[in-house]
Amino acid sequence: MKELYRYGLILFLICVVSAGALALINKITKPIIEAQAEENLKNSLKEIIPEAVNFKTAGGGSDTTYYKAYGRNNELLGVVLVAQAKGYSSAIETLAGIRRDGSIIAVRILSQNETPGLGSRIAQESFTAQFADKNATALEGVEAITGATISSGAVIKAIKQKSQEVLTLLNADEK
């Protein structure tokens, strides 16, 4: 019985040391990870609207996040919205740049874990390039990927829905 308590105490000490080490590593790496994520976001925003000089975070609702893009003379060029949707096997996070007139500049898939070789093709240029110069609220002419209609349909639906919300908020701000 004494031996059982000894093993229990040893196991408890191992768990305490392990948990402490994990907490310390998390505390050290968290700011670095957040800074890297912020830098990746800035690069992605610049990739969507390259002529923009400045981006300002805006948000109309609890789940609607977008960034206003301003040019050299501080004129509003458009917005970059974050659209999320549930695909076939994962959540898909997308950035879409929209001009003030409602046409799409570019679309980029930020994160997805769809089926490799099928749903993962939503991140390819052949799919995302279809969005360029389309009306963001209609998205007519964007074809879903054969064999990955759930994933590509989710991207199309999310961009369409979020762009309607953001354009409504943007028009309300201008009045």
N, C-alpha and C. Protein backbone atom coordinates (compact mmCIF):
# COMPACT_ATOMS: atom_id res chain seq x y z
N MET A 1 0.82 -1.18 0.00
CA MET A 1 0.00 0.00 0.00
C MET A 1 0.86 1.25 0.00
N LYS A 2 1.99 1.20 0.75
CA LYS A 2 2.89 2.31 0.83
C LYS A 2 3.47 2.63 -0.56
N GLU A 3 3.74 1.58 -1.30
CA GLU A 3 4.31 1.72 -2.64
C GLU A 3 3.31 2.41 -3.57
N LEU A 4 2.06 2.14 -3.42
CA LEU A 4 1.01 2.75 -4.25
C LEU A 4 0.98 4.26 -4.02
N TYR A 5 1.09 4.70 -2.79
CA TYR A 5 1.11 6.14 -2.48
C TYR A 5 2.37 6.79 -3.06
N ARG A 6 3.47 6.10 -2.97
CA ARG A 6 4.73 6.63 -3.50
C ARG A 6 4.61 6.85 -5.01
N TYR A 7 4.07 5.86 -5.74
CA TYR A 7 3.91 6.00 -7.19
C TYR A 7 2.91 7.12 -7.52
N GLY A 8 1.88 7.23 -6.71
CA GLY A 8 0.91 8.30 -6.91
C GLY A 8 1.54 9.66 -6.72
N LEU A 9 2.39 9.82 -5.70
CA LEU A 9 3.08 11.07 -5.46
C LEU A 9 4.05 11.40 -6.59
N ILE A 10 4.76 10.42 -7.08
CA ILE A 10 5.68 10.63 -8.20
C ILE A 10 4.91 11.08 -9.44
N LEU A 11 3.82 10.42 -9.72
CA LEU A 11 3.00 10.78 -10.88
C LEU A 11 2.44 12.20 -10.72
N PHE A 12 2.01 12.54 -9.53
CA PHE A 12 1.50 13.88 -9.26
C PHE A 12 2.59 14.93 -9.51
N LEU A 13 3.80 14.69 -9.03
CA LEU A 13 4.90 15.63 -9.23
C LEU A 13 5.25 15.78 -10.72
N ILE A 14 5.24 14.69 -11.44
CA ILE A 14 5.51 14.74 -12.89
C ILE A 14 4.45 15.60 -13.58
N CYS A 15 3.20 15.43 -13.19
CA CYS A 15 2.12 16.21 -13.79
C CYS A 15 2.26 17.70 -13.46
N VAL A 16 2.60 18.03 -12.23
CA VAL A 16 2.75 19.43 -11.82
C VAL A 16 3.90 20.08 -12.59
N VAL A 17 5.03 19.39 -12.70
CA VAL A 17 6.18 19.94 -13.43
C VAL A 17 5.84 20.10 -14.91
N SER A 18 5.17 19.12 -15.50
CA SER A 18 4.80 19.19 -16.91
C SER A 18 3.83 20.34 -17.17
N ALA A 19 2.83 20.48 -16.32
CA ALA A 19 1.86 21.56 -16.48
C ALA A 19 2.52 22.92 -16.33
N GLY A 20 3.42 23.03 -15.37
CA GLY A 20 4.16 24.28 -15.18
C GLY A 20 5.02 24.63 -16.38
N ALA A 21 5.69 23.62 -16.94
CA ALA A 21 6.52 23.84 -18.12
C ALA A 21 5.68 24.28 -19.31
N LEU A 22 4.53 23.65 -19.51
CA LEU A 22 3.64 24.04 -20.60
C LEU A 22 3.11 25.46 -20.42
N ALA A 23 2.75 25.82 -19.20
CA ALA A 23 2.27 27.18 -18.93
C ALA A 23 3.35 28.22 -19.21
N LEU A 24 4.58 27.92 -18.82
CA LEU A 24 5.70 28.83 -19.05
C LEU A 24 5.98 28.98 -20.55
N ILE A 25 6.00 27.90 -21.26
CA ILE A 25 6.24 27.95 -22.71
C ILE A 25 5.12 28.72 -23.40
N ASN A 26 3.87 28.50 -22.97
CA ASN A 26 2.75 29.24 -23.55
C ASN A 26 2.89 30.74 -23.30
N LYS A 27 3.29 31.11 -22.09
CA LYS A 27 3.45 32.53 -21.74
C LYS A 27 4.55 33.17 -22.58
N ILE A 28 5.61 32.45 -22.85
CA ILE A 28 6.73 32.98 -23.63
C ILE A 28 6.37 33.09 -25.11
N THR A 29 5.70 32.08 -25.66
CA THR A 29 5.46 32.04 -27.11
C THR A 29 4.19 32.77 -27.55
N LYS A 30 3.23 33.00 -26.67
CA LYS A 30 1.96 33.61 -27.07
C LYS A 30 2.14 34.97 -27.76
N PRO A 31 2.93 35.90 -27.21
CA PRO A 31 3.10 37.19 -27.90
C PRO A 31 3.78 37.04 -29.26
N ILE A 32 4.69 36.11 -29.38
CA ILE A 32 5.38 35.89 -30.65
C ILE A 32 4.40 35.36 -31.69
N ILE A 33 3.56 34.42 -31.30
CA ILE A 33 2.57 33.85 -32.21
C ILE A 33 1.56 34.91 -32.63
N GLU A 34 1.10 35.74 -31.69
CA GLU A 34 0.16 36.80 -32.02
C GLU A 34 0.77 37.82 -32.96
N ALA A 35 2.03 38.19 -32.74
CA ALA A 35 2.71 39.14 -33.63
C ALA A 35 2.85 38.56 -35.03
N GLN A 36 3.16 37.28 -35.13
CA GLN A 36 3.29 36.63 -36.43
C GLN A 36 1.94 36.58 -37.15
N ALA A 37 0.87 36.31 -36.42
CA ALA A 37 -0.47 36.28 -37.01
C ALA A 37 -0.87 37.67 -37.51
N GLU A 38 -0.54 38.69 -36.75
CA GLU A 38 -0.83 40.07 -37.16
C GLU A 38 -0.06 40.45 -38.42
N GLU A 39 1.19 40.04 -38.50
CA GLU A 39 2.01 40.31 -39.69
C GLU A 39 1.46 39.57 -40.91
N ASN A 40 1.03 38.32 -40.73
CA ASN A 40 0.44 37.55 -41.82
C ASN A 40 -0.85 38.21 -42.31
N LEU A 41 -1.65 38.73 -41.39
CA LEU A 41 -2.88 39.41 -41.77
C LEU A 41 -2.57 40.67 -42.58
N LYS A 42 -1.61 41.46 -42.12
CA LYS A 42 -1.23 42.67 -42.86
C LYS A 42 -0.76 42.34 -44.27
N ASN A 43 0.04 41.30 -44.39
CA ASN A 43 0.52 40.88 -45.71
C ASN A 43 -0.64 40.41 -46.59
N SER A 44 -1.58 39.70 -46.01
CA SER A 44 -2.74 39.23 -46.76
C SER A 44 -3.62 40.39 -47.22
N LEU A 45 -3.81 41.37 -46.35
CA LEU A 45 -4.60 42.54 -46.72
C LEU A 45 -3.94 43.29 -47.88
N LYS A 46 -2.64 43.43 -47.79
CA LYS A 46 -1.88 44.12 -48.85
C LYS A 46 -1.94 43.32 -50.15
N GLU A 47 -1.98 42.02 -50.05
CA GLU A 47 -2.08 41.15 -51.22
C GLU A 47 -3.44 41.32 -51.91
N ILE A 48 -4.48 41.52 -51.13
CA ILE A 48 -5.83 41.66 -51.67
C ILE A 48 -6.00 43.02 -52.36
N ILE A 49 -5.57 44.10 -51.71
CA ILE A 49 -5.66 45.44 -52.30
C ILE A 49 -4.25 46.06 -52.27
N PRO A 50 -3.43 45.76 -53.29
CA PRO A 50 -2.04 46.21 -53.27
C PRO A 50 -1.85 47.73 -53.27
N GLU A 51 -2.78 48.48 -53.87
CA GLU A 51 -2.63 49.93 -53.95
C GLU A 51 -2.97 50.64 -52.65
N ALA A 52 -3.48 49.92 -51.67
CA ALA A 52 -3.84 50.52 -50.38
C ALA A 52 -2.58 50.82 -49.57
N VAL A 53 -2.61 51.95 -48.91
CA VAL A 53 -1.49 52.37 -48.08
C VAL A 53 -1.77 52.10 -46.60
N ASN A 54 -3.06 52.16 -46.25
CA ASN A 54 -3.45 52.05 -44.85
C ASN A 54 -4.72 51.21 -44.74
N PHE A 55 -4.80 50.39 -43.71
CA PHE A 55 -5.99 49.59 -43.43
C PHE A 55 -6.45 49.90 -42.02
N LYS A 56 -7.75 50.12 -41.87
CA LYS A 56 -8.32 50.37 -40.55
C LYS A 56 -9.39 49.32 -40.27
N THR A 57 -9.30 48.74 -39.09
CA THR A 57 -10.26 47.71 -38.69
C THR A 57 -11.62 48.34 -38.44
N ALA A 58 -12.63 47.67 -38.94
CA ALA A 58 -14.00 48.10 -38.71
C ALA A 58 -14.81 46.85 -38.42
N GLY A 59 -15.94 47.02 -37.82
CA GLY A 59 -16.79 45.87 -37.54
C GLY A 59 -18.18 46.35 -37.22
N GLY A 60 -19.13 45.78 -37.90
CA GLY A 60 -20.49 46.23 -37.70
C GLY A 60 -21.23 45.39 -36.69
N GLY A 61 -20.84 44.16 -36.56
CA GLY A 61 -21.55 43.27 -35.66
C GLY A 61 -20.57 42.38 -34.95
N SER A 62 -21.09 41.49 -34.17
CA SER A 62 -20.22 40.64 -33.38
C SER A 62 -19.42 39.67 -34.24
N ASP A 63 -19.98 39.27 -35.37
CA ASP A 63 -19.26 38.31 -36.22
C ASP A 63 -18.92 38.88 -37.59
N THR A 64 -19.05 40.18 -37.79
CA THR A 64 -18.71 40.81 -39.06
C THR A 64 -17.46 41.65 -38.88
N THR A 65 -16.36 41.18 -39.44
CA THR A 65 -15.11 41.89 -39.36
C THR A 65 -14.69 42.29 -40.76
N TYR A 66 -14.31 43.55 -40.92
CA TYR A 66 -13.79 43.99 -42.19
C TYR A 66 -12.78 45.10 -41.97
N TYR A 67 -12.00 45.36 -42.99
CA TYR A 67 -10.94 46.35 -42.93
C TYR A 67 -11.15 47.35 -44.05
N LYS A 68 -11.18 48.63 -43.72
CA LYS A 68 -11.29 49.67 -44.73
C LYS A 68 -9.90 49.94 -45.30
N ALA A 69 -9.82 49.98 -46.62
CA ALA A 69 -8.54 50.20 -47.30
C ALA A 69 -8.51 51.62 -47.83
N TYR A 70 -7.45 52.36 -47.46
CA TYR A 70 -7.30 53.75 -47.87
C TYR A 70 -6.08 53.91 -48.78
N GLY A 71 -6.20 54.81 -49.76
CA GLY A 71 -5.12 55.08 -50.70
C GLY A 71 -4.19 56.17 -50.19
N ARG A 72 -3.31 56.63 -51.09
CA ARG A 72 -2.30 57.65 -50.73
C ARG A 72 -2.91 58.96 -50.24
N ASN A 73 -4.01 59.37 -50.82
CA ASN A 73 -4.66 60.63 -50.44
C ASN A 73 -5.74 60.42 -49.40
N ASN A 74 -5.66 59.32 -48.68
CA ASN A 74 -6.61 58.95 -47.63
C ASN A 74 -8.03 58.76 -48.16
N GLU A 75 -8.15 58.39 -49.45
CA GLU A 75 -9.46 58.09 -50.02
C GLU A 75 -9.77 56.61 -49.82
N LEU A 76 -11.03 56.33 -49.58
CA LEU A 76 -11.45 54.95 -49.36
C LEU A 76 -11.45 54.20 -50.68
N LEU A 77 -10.61 53.18 -50.79
CA LEU A 77 -10.52 52.38 -52.02
C LEU A 77 -11.54 51.24 -52.01
N GLY A 78 -11.79 50.70 -50.85
CA GLY A 78 -12.70 49.57 -50.72
C GLY A 78 -12.55 48.94 -49.35
N VAL A 79 -13.00 47.71 -49.24
CA VAL A 79 -12.91 47.00 -47.98
C VAL A 79 -12.40 45.59 -48.22
N VAL A 80 -11.81 45.03 -47.18
CA VAL A 80 -11.44 43.62 -47.19
C VAL A 80 -12.23 42.98 -46.07
N LEU A 81 -13.04 42.00 -46.42
CA LEU A 81 -13.88 41.36 -45.41
C LEU A 81 -13.38 39.96 -45.10
N VAL A 82 -13.67 39.53 -43.91
CA VAL A 82 -13.35 38.17 -43.47
C VAL A 82 -14.65 37.39 -43.50
N ALA A 83 -14.66 36.32 -44.30
CA ALA A 83 -15.86 35.48 -44.41
C ALA A 83 -15.51 34.07 -43.95
N GLN A 84 -16.33 33.52 -43.10
CA GLN A 84 -16.12 32.16 -42.62
C GLN A 84 -17.34 31.31 -42.94
N ALA A 85 -17.07 30.07 -43.30
CA ALA A 85 -18.15 29.15 -43.62
C ALA A 85 -17.74 27.73 -43.25
N LYS A 86 -18.72 26.89 -43.04
CA LYS A 86 -18.47 25.48 -42.77
C LYS A 86 -18.45 24.76 -44.10
N GLY A 87 -17.30 24.19 -44.44
CA GLY A 87 -17.17 23.42 -45.67
C GLY A 87 -17.56 21.97 -45.43
N TYR A 88 -17.02 21.08 -46.25
CA TYR A 88 -17.34 19.67 -46.12
C TYR A 88 -16.80 19.09 -44.82
N SER A 89 -15.52 19.41 -44.51
CA SER A 89 -14.92 18.80 -43.32
C SER A 89 -14.28 19.79 -42.36
N SER A 90 -14.35 21.08 -42.66
CA SER A 90 -13.70 22.04 -41.77
C SER A 90 -14.30 23.43 -41.97
N ALA A 91 -13.88 24.32 -41.10
CA ALA A 91 -14.25 25.73 -41.27
C ALA A 91 -13.30 26.33 -42.30
N ILE A 92 -13.84 27.16 -43.18
CA ILE A 92 -13.05 27.80 -44.22
C ILE A 92 -13.07 29.29 -43.94
N GLU A 93 -11.88 29.89 -43.84
CA GLU A 93 -11.77 31.32 -43.59
C GLU A 93 -11.23 31.99 -44.85
N THR A 94 -11.93 33.02 -45.31
CA THR A 94 -11.63 33.66 -46.57
C THR A 94 -11.51 35.17 -46.40
N LEU A 95 -10.61 35.78 -47.17
CA LEU A 95 -10.54 37.23 -47.28
C LEU A 95 -11.03 37.61 -48.66
N ALA A 96 -11.85 38.65 -48.74
CA ALA A 96 -12.33 39.13 -50.04
C ALA A 96 -12.21 40.64 -50.07
N GLY A 97 -11.57 41.16 -51.11
CA GLY A 97 -11.46 42.59 -51.30
C GLY A 97 -12.58 43.08 -52.19
N ILE A 98 -13.27 44.13 -51.75
CA ILE A 98 -14.42 44.65 -52.49
C ILE A 98 -14.25 46.15 -52.70
N ARG A 99 -14.43 46.58 -53.96
CA ARG A 99 -14.39 48.01 -54.27
C ARG A 99 -15.65 48.68 -53.73
N ARG A 100 -15.63 49.99 -53.72
CA ARG A 100 -16.79 50.74 -53.21
C ARG A 100 -18.04 50.50 -54.04
N ASP A 101 -17.86 50.16 -55.33
CA ASP A 101 -19.03 49.91 -56.19
C ASP A 101 -19.60 48.51 -56.02
N GLY A 102 -18.97 47.69 -55.18
CA GLY A 102 -19.48 46.35 -54.90
C GLY A 102 -18.84 45.25 -55.73
N SER A 103 -17.88 45.58 -56.57
CA SER A 103 -17.20 44.54 -57.35
C SER A 103 -16.02 43.98 -56.57
N ILE A 104 -15.75 42.72 -56.79
CA ILE A 104 -14.68 42.04 -56.05
C ILE A 104 -13.33 42.31 -56.70
N ILE A 105 -12.35 42.60 -55.88
CA ILE A 105 -10.98 42.81 -56.35
C ILE A 105 -10.27 41.47 -56.40
N ALA A 106 -10.26 40.78 -55.27
CA ALA A 106 -9.57 39.49 -55.18
C ALA A 106 -10.11 38.72 -53.99
N VAL A 107 -9.89 37.41 -54.04
CA VAL A 107 -10.29 36.51 -52.95
C VAL A 107 -9.10 35.64 -52.60
N ARG A 108 -8.92 35.41 -51.31
CA ARG A 108 -7.83 34.56 -50.84
C ARG A 108 -8.36 33.68 -49.71
N ILE A 109 -8.04 32.40 -49.77
CA ILE A 109 -8.42 31.47 -48.71
C ILE A 109 -7.33 31.54 -47.64
N LEU A 110 -7.72 31.93 -46.42
CA LEU A 110 -6.76 32.03 -45.32
C LEU A 110 -6.49 30.68 -44.68
N SER A 111 -7.54 29.95 -44.39
CA SER A 111 -7.36 28.65 -43.76
C SER A 111 -8.48 27.70 -44.15
N GLN A 112 -8.12 26.44 -44.29
CA GLN A 112 -9.07 25.38 -44.61
C GLN A 112 -8.39 24.05 -44.37
N ASN A 113 -9.18 23.06 -44.05
CA ASN A 113 -8.69 21.69 -43.88
C ASN A 113 -9.61 20.73 -44.61
N GLU A 114 -9.93 21.09 -45.82
CA GLU A 114 -10.82 20.27 -46.63
C GLU A 114 -10.07 19.05 -47.16
N THR A 115 -10.78 18.14 -47.78
CA THR A 115 -10.20 16.91 -48.29
C THR A 115 -9.09 17.21 -49.29
N PRO A 116 -7.87 16.71 -49.04
CA PRO A 116 -6.78 16.96 -49.98
C PRO A 116 -7.11 16.43 -51.37
N GLY A 117 -6.82 17.25 -52.37
CA GLY A 117 -7.05 16.85 -53.75
C GLY A 117 -8.44 17.16 -54.25
N LEU A 118 -9.39 17.39 -53.36
CA LEU A 118 -10.76 17.74 -53.77
C LEU A 118 -11.12 19.11 -53.21
N GLY A 119 -11.60 19.14 -51.98
CA GLY A 119 -12.02 20.39 -51.37
C GLY A 119 -10.89 21.38 -51.19
N SER A 120 -9.68 20.89 -51.05
CA SER A 120 -8.54 21.79 -50.86
C SER A 120 -8.25 22.62 -52.11
N ARG A 121 -8.86 22.24 -53.23
CA ARG A 121 -8.65 23.00 -54.48
C ARG A 121 -9.29 24.38 -54.43
N ILE A 122 -10.08 24.67 -53.40
CA ILE A 122 -10.67 26.00 -53.27
C ILE A 122 -9.60 27.07 -53.07
N ALA A 123 -8.43 26.67 -52.60
CA ALA A 123 -7.34 27.62 -52.37
C ALA A 123 -6.53 27.89 -53.63
N GLN A 124 -6.80 27.16 -54.69
CA GLN A 124 -6.03 27.33 -55.93
C GLN A 124 -6.50 28.56 -56.70
N GLU A 125 -5.55 29.12 -57.44
CA GLU A 125 -5.81 30.31 -58.24
C GLU A 125 -6.94 30.09 -59.24
N SER A 126 -7.06 28.89 -59.78
CA SER A 126 -8.10 28.61 -60.78
C SER A 126 -9.51 28.82 -60.21
N PHE A 127 -9.67 28.64 -58.92
CA PHE A 127 -10.98 28.88 -58.30
C PHE A 127 -11.11 30.33 -57.84
N THR A 128 -10.13 30.83 -57.11
CA THR A 128 -10.25 32.18 -56.52
C THR A 128 -10.22 33.27 -57.58
N ALA A 129 -9.58 33.04 -58.73
CA ALA A 129 -9.52 34.05 -59.79
C ALA A 129 -10.89 34.30 -60.42
N GLN A 130 -11.81 33.36 -60.29
CA GLN A 130 -13.15 33.52 -60.86
C GLN A 130 -13.92 34.69 -60.23
N PHE A 131 -13.57 35.06 -59.02
CA PHE A 131 -14.30 36.09 -58.29
C PHE A 131 -13.97 37.50 -58.77
N ALA A 132 -12.81 37.69 -59.38
CA ALA A 132 -12.36 39.03 -59.76
C ALA A 132 -13.37 39.72 -60.67
N ASP A 133 -13.67 40.97 -60.33
CA ASP A 133 -14.57 41.86 -61.08
C ASP A 133 -16.03 41.40 -61.11
N LYS A 134 -16.40 40.44 -60.29
CA LYS A 134 -17.80 40.02 -60.18
C LYS A 134 -18.49 40.90 -59.14
N ASN A 135 -19.81 41.04 -59.28
CA ASN A 135 -20.59 41.76 -58.29
C ASN A 135 -20.63 40.91 -57.03
N ALA A 136 -20.18 41.47 -55.92
CA ALA A 136 -20.04 40.70 -54.67
C ALA A 136 -21.36 40.20 -54.12
N THR A 137 -22.44 40.90 -54.38
CA THR A 137 -23.72 40.48 -53.82
C THR A 137 -24.45 39.48 -54.69
N ALA A 138 -24.02 39.31 -55.94
CA ALA A 138 -24.66 38.36 -56.85
C ALA A 138 -23.79 37.14 -57.11
N LEU A 139 -22.52 37.36 -57.39
CA LEU A 139 -21.54 36.31 -57.69
C LEU A 139 -22.00 35.36 -58.79
N GLU A 140 -22.57 35.91 -59.83
CA GLU A 140 -22.99 35.10 -60.97
C GLU A 140 -21.77 34.75 -61.80
N GLY A 141 -21.72 33.52 -62.26
CA GLY A 141 -20.63 33.09 -63.12
C GLY A 141 -19.47 32.44 -62.40
N VAL A 142 -19.54 32.33 -61.08
CA VAL A 142 -18.50 31.64 -60.33
C VAL A 142 -18.92 30.17 -60.26
N GLU A 143 -18.09 29.32 -60.83
CA GLU A 143 -18.43 27.91 -60.90
C GLU A 143 -17.82 27.13 -59.74
N ALA A 144 -18.62 26.26 -59.17
CA ALA A 144 -18.15 25.39 -58.09
C ALA A 144 -17.17 24.36 -58.67
N ILE A 145 -16.33 23.83 -57.84
CA ILE A 145 -15.35 22.83 -58.25
C ILE A 145 -16.03 21.47 -58.28
N THR A 146 -15.89 20.76 -59.40
CA THR A 146 -16.48 19.43 -59.53
C THR A 146 -15.88 18.51 -58.49
N GLY A 147 -16.72 17.84 -57.74
CA GLY A 147 -16.27 16.94 -56.68
C GLY A 147 -16.07 17.64 -55.36
N ALA A 148 -16.17 18.96 -55.36
CA ALA A 148 -16.00 19.73 -54.13
C ALA A 148 -17.04 20.84 -54.06
N THR A 149 -18.26 20.48 -54.42
CA THR A 149 -19.32 21.50 -54.47
C THR A 149 -19.68 22.04 -53.09
N ILE A 150 -19.55 21.24 -52.06
CA ILE A 150 -19.87 21.73 -50.72
C ILE A 150 -18.84 22.77 -50.29
N SER A 151 -17.57 22.48 -50.49
CA SER A 151 -16.51 23.41 -50.10
C SER A 151 -16.58 24.70 -50.90
N SER A 152 -16.65 24.58 -52.23
CA SER A 152 -16.67 25.78 -53.06
C SER A 152 -17.98 26.54 -52.89
N GLY A 153 -19.08 25.84 -52.71
CA GLY A 153 -20.36 26.49 -52.46
C GLY A 153 -20.36 27.26 -51.15
N ALA A 154 -19.67 26.72 -50.15
CA ALA A 154 -19.58 27.40 -48.85
C ALA A 154 -18.81 28.71 -48.99
N VAL A 155 -17.73 28.70 -49.77
CA VAL A 155 -16.95 29.92 -49.99
C VAL A 155 -17.81 30.96 -50.71
N ILE A 156 -18.49 30.55 -51.76
CA ILE A 156 -19.33 31.47 -52.54
C ILE A 156 -20.43 32.06 -51.65
N LYS A 157 -21.11 31.20 -50.91
CA LYS A 157 -22.20 31.66 -50.04
C LYS A 157 -21.70 32.62 -48.96
N ALA A 158 -20.55 32.29 -48.34
CA ALA A 158 -20.01 33.14 -47.27
C ALA A 158 -19.62 34.51 -47.79
N ILE A 159 -18.96 34.55 -48.94
CA ILE A 159 -18.55 35.84 -49.50
C ILE A 159 -19.77 36.66 -49.89
N LYS A 160 -20.74 36.03 -50.49
CA LYS A 160 -21.97 36.72 -50.90
C LYS A 160 -22.69 37.31 -49.69
N GLN A 161 -22.86 36.50 -48.65
CA GLN A 161 -23.58 36.95 -47.46
C GLN A 161 -22.83 38.06 -46.73
N LYS A 162 -21.54 37.86 -46.48
CA LYS A 162 -20.77 38.86 -45.74
C LYS A 162 -20.60 40.15 -46.53
N SER A 163 -20.48 40.05 -47.86
CA SER A 163 -20.33 41.26 -48.66
C SER A 163 -21.61 42.09 -48.61
N GLN A 164 -22.77 41.45 -48.59
CA GLN A 164 -24.03 42.19 -48.46
C GLN A 164 -24.06 42.93 -47.12
N GLU A 165 -23.65 42.26 -46.05
CA GLU A 165 -23.63 42.89 -44.72
C GLU A 165 -22.66 44.07 -44.70
N VAL A 166 -21.46 43.85 -45.22
CA VAL A 166 -20.42 44.88 -45.17
C VAL A 166 -20.78 46.07 -46.05
N LEU A 167 -21.30 45.82 -47.23
CA LEU A 167 -21.68 46.93 -48.11
C LEU A 167 -22.83 47.73 -47.50
N THR A 168 -23.74 47.07 -46.82
CA THR A 168 -24.82 47.78 -46.12
C THR A 168 -24.24 48.66 -45.03
N LEU A 169 -23.31 48.12 -44.25
CA LEU A 169 -22.66 48.89 -43.19
C LEU A 169 -21.85 50.05 -43.76
N LEU A 170 -21.17 49.80 -44.86
CA LEU A 170 -20.34 50.84 -45.50
C LEU A 170 -21.22 51.97 -46.02
N ASN A 171 -22.33 51.64 -46.64
CA ASN A 171 -23.26 52.68 -47.14
C ASN A 171 -23.88 53.46 -45.99
N ALA A 172 -24.14 52.80 -44.88
CA ALA A 172 -24.69 53.49 -43.71
C ALA A 172 -23.66 54.45 -43.12
N ASP A 173 -22.38 54.08 -43.15
CA ASP A 173 -21.31 54.93 -42.63
C ASP A 173 -21.15 56.19 -43.47
N GLU A 174 -21.38 56.08 -44.78
CA GLU A 174 -21.17 57.22 -45.67
C GLU A 174 -22.28 58.25 -45.57
N LYS A 175 -23.44 57.85 -45.04
CA LYS A 175 -24.57 58.78 -44.96
C LYS A 175 -24.48 59.68 -43.77
